[in-house]
Amino acid sequence: MPISTSSFGDERDNKYNEYERADLYDQETIHVPGLDAATAESLLKKLGGGVVDKHRQLEGMGWKAIITPTAEGVTIEFDAHDELLEDLLRRFEEMADKVAR
């Protein structure tokens, strides 16, 4: 988890354990032409992601994203809780479309 994730040191830390269960995660990869890794990272931060590996990997509550630069732009592999994935993708794509214009 990103450093910004709070820890209480007691039973409250386990309150969101359902977001850690791999069977509740779905994966999807999107290709975003015209976007570089730094801009993709910035957009993912706006969605609540914390940097794990600069311009490469971010994590948020219930999701992870890996950025891979390509000749045309970037590919982003999302690994997100099934209840978050659709909204996460929609919001990211909306922001990316505005930046690419």
Protein backbone atom coordinates (compact mmCIF):
# COMPACT_ATOMS: atom_id res chain seq x y z
CA MET A 1 0.00 0.00 0.00
CA PRO A 2 1.11 3.58 -0.51
CA ILE A 3 2.73 5.35 2.41
CA SER A 4 -0.29 7.64 2.69
CA THR A 5 -2.53 4.74 3.74
CA SER A 6 -3.36 5.09 7.42
CA SER A 7 -2.71 2.38 9.95
CA PHE A 8 -4.26 2.38 13.40
CA GLY A 9 -2.32 -0.63 14.72
CA ASP A 10 -5.49 -2.39 15.87
CA GLU A 11 -8.57 -4.20 14.53
CA ARG A 12 -9.55 -1.18 12.41
CA ASP A 13 -6.68 -2.04 10.05
CA ASN A 14 -8.62 -5.16 8.99
CA LYS A 15 -11.85 -3.28 8.29
CA TYR A 16 -11.24 -3.25 4.51
CA ASN A 17 -9.75 -6.72 4.11
CA GLU A 18 -12.24 -7.49 1.36
CA TYR A 19 -10.23 -5.15 -0.88
CA GLU A 20 -7.17 -7.37 -0.44
CA ARG A 21 -8.83 -10.62 -1.57
CA ALA A 22 -7.51 -11.56 -5.02
CA ASP A 23 -10.73 -13.37 -6.02
CA LEU A 24 -12.61 -10.07 -5.86
CA TYR A 25 -10.20 -8.34 -8.26
CA ASP A 26 -10.66 -8.02 -12.02
CA GLN A 27 -8.01 -7.06 -14.54
CA GLU A 28 -8.26 -4.90 -17.62
CA THR A 29 -5.65 -3.35 -19.88
CA ILE A 30 -6.20 -0.15 -21.81
CA HIS A 31 -4.07 1.51 -24.48
CA VAL A 32 -3.90 5.29 -24.40
CA PRO A 33 -2.22 6.81 -27.46
CA GLY A 34 -0.65 10.24 -27.07
CA LEU A 35 -0.17 9.99 -23.30
CA ASP A 36 3.23 9.67 -21.63
CA ALA A 37 4.00 7.84 -18.38
CA ALA A 38 4.34 11.02 -16.30
CA THR A 39 0.92 12.29 -17.40
CA ALA A 40 -0.68 8.88 -16.84
CA GLU A 41 0.81 8.86 -13.34
CA SER A 42 -0.56 12.33 -12.65
CA LEU A 43 -4.06 11.28 -13.72
CA LEU A 44 -3.92 8.13 -11.59
CA LYS A 45 -2.89 10.25 -8.61
CA LYS A 46 -6.04 12.32 -9.13
CA LEU A 47 -7.98 9.08 -8.73
CA GLY A 48 -6.38 8.53 -5.34
CA GLY A 49 -3.35 6.49 -6.30
CA GLY A 50 -0.09 6.58 -4.44
CA VAL A 51 3.18 6.02 -6.27
CA VAL A 52 4.84 2.66 -5.67
CA ASP A 53 7.37 2.93 -8.52
CA LYS A 54 7.72 6.34 -10.21
CA HIS A 55 6.08 6.48 -13.67
CA ARG A 56 5.54 2.72 -13.43
CA GLN A 57 3.16 1.57 -10.67
CA LEU A 58 0.49 3.15 -8.47
CA GLU A 59 -1.87 1.75 -5.85
CA GLY A 60 -5.10 3.04 -4.44
CA MET A 61 -7.66 1.63 -2.03
CA GLY A 62 -8.89 -1.47 -3.85
CA TRP A 63 -6.86 -1.04 -7.04
CA LYS A 64 -3.40 -1.13 -8.61
CA ALA A 65 -2.18 0.15 -11.97
CA ILE A 66 0.97 -0.60 -13.95
CA ILE A 67 2.02 1.92 -16.62
CA THR A 68 3.99 0.64 -19.62
CA PRO A 69 5.24 3.17 -22.20
CA THR A 70 4.67 2.19 -25.84
CA ALA A 71 5.67 3.77 -29.15
CA GLU A 72 2.19 5.33 -29.46
CA GLY A 73 1.59 6.30 -25.80
CA VAL A 74 1.07 4.09 -22.76
CA THR A 75 -0.60 0.85 -21.80
CA ILE A 76 -2.11 0.68 -18.34
CA GLU A 77 -2.88 -2.60 -16.64
CA PHE A 78 -5.57 -2.14 -14.01
CA ASP A 79 -6.05 -4.69 -11.25
CA ALA A 80 -9.05 -3.49 -9.27
CA HIS A 81 -11.75 -4.66 -6.94
CA ASP A 82 -14.66 -5.73 -9.12
CA GLU A 83 -16.89 -2.99 -7.70
CA LEU A 84 -14.35 -0.30 -8.60
CA LEU A 85 -12.97 -1.32 -11.99
CA GLU A 86 -15.67 0.07 -14.28
CA ASP A 87 -15.80 3.45 -12.54
CA LEU A 88 -12.00 3.66 -12.34
CA LEU A 89 -11.64 2.99 -16.08
CA ARG A 90 -14.41 5.43 -17.01
CA ARG A 91 -12.98 8.24 -14.90
CA PHE A 92 -9.42 7.65 -16.12
CA GLU A 93 -10.49 7.55 -19.78
CA GLU A 94 -12.49 10.79 -19.38
CA MET A 95 -9.47 12.58 -17.91
CA ALA A 96 -7.10 11.13 -20.51
CA ASP A 97 -9.40 12.28 -23.34
CA LYS A 98 -9.36 15.86 -22.00
CA VAL A 99 -5.55 15.87 -21.73
CA ALA A 100 -5.06 14.38 -25.21
CA ARG A 101 -7.09 17.15 -26.88
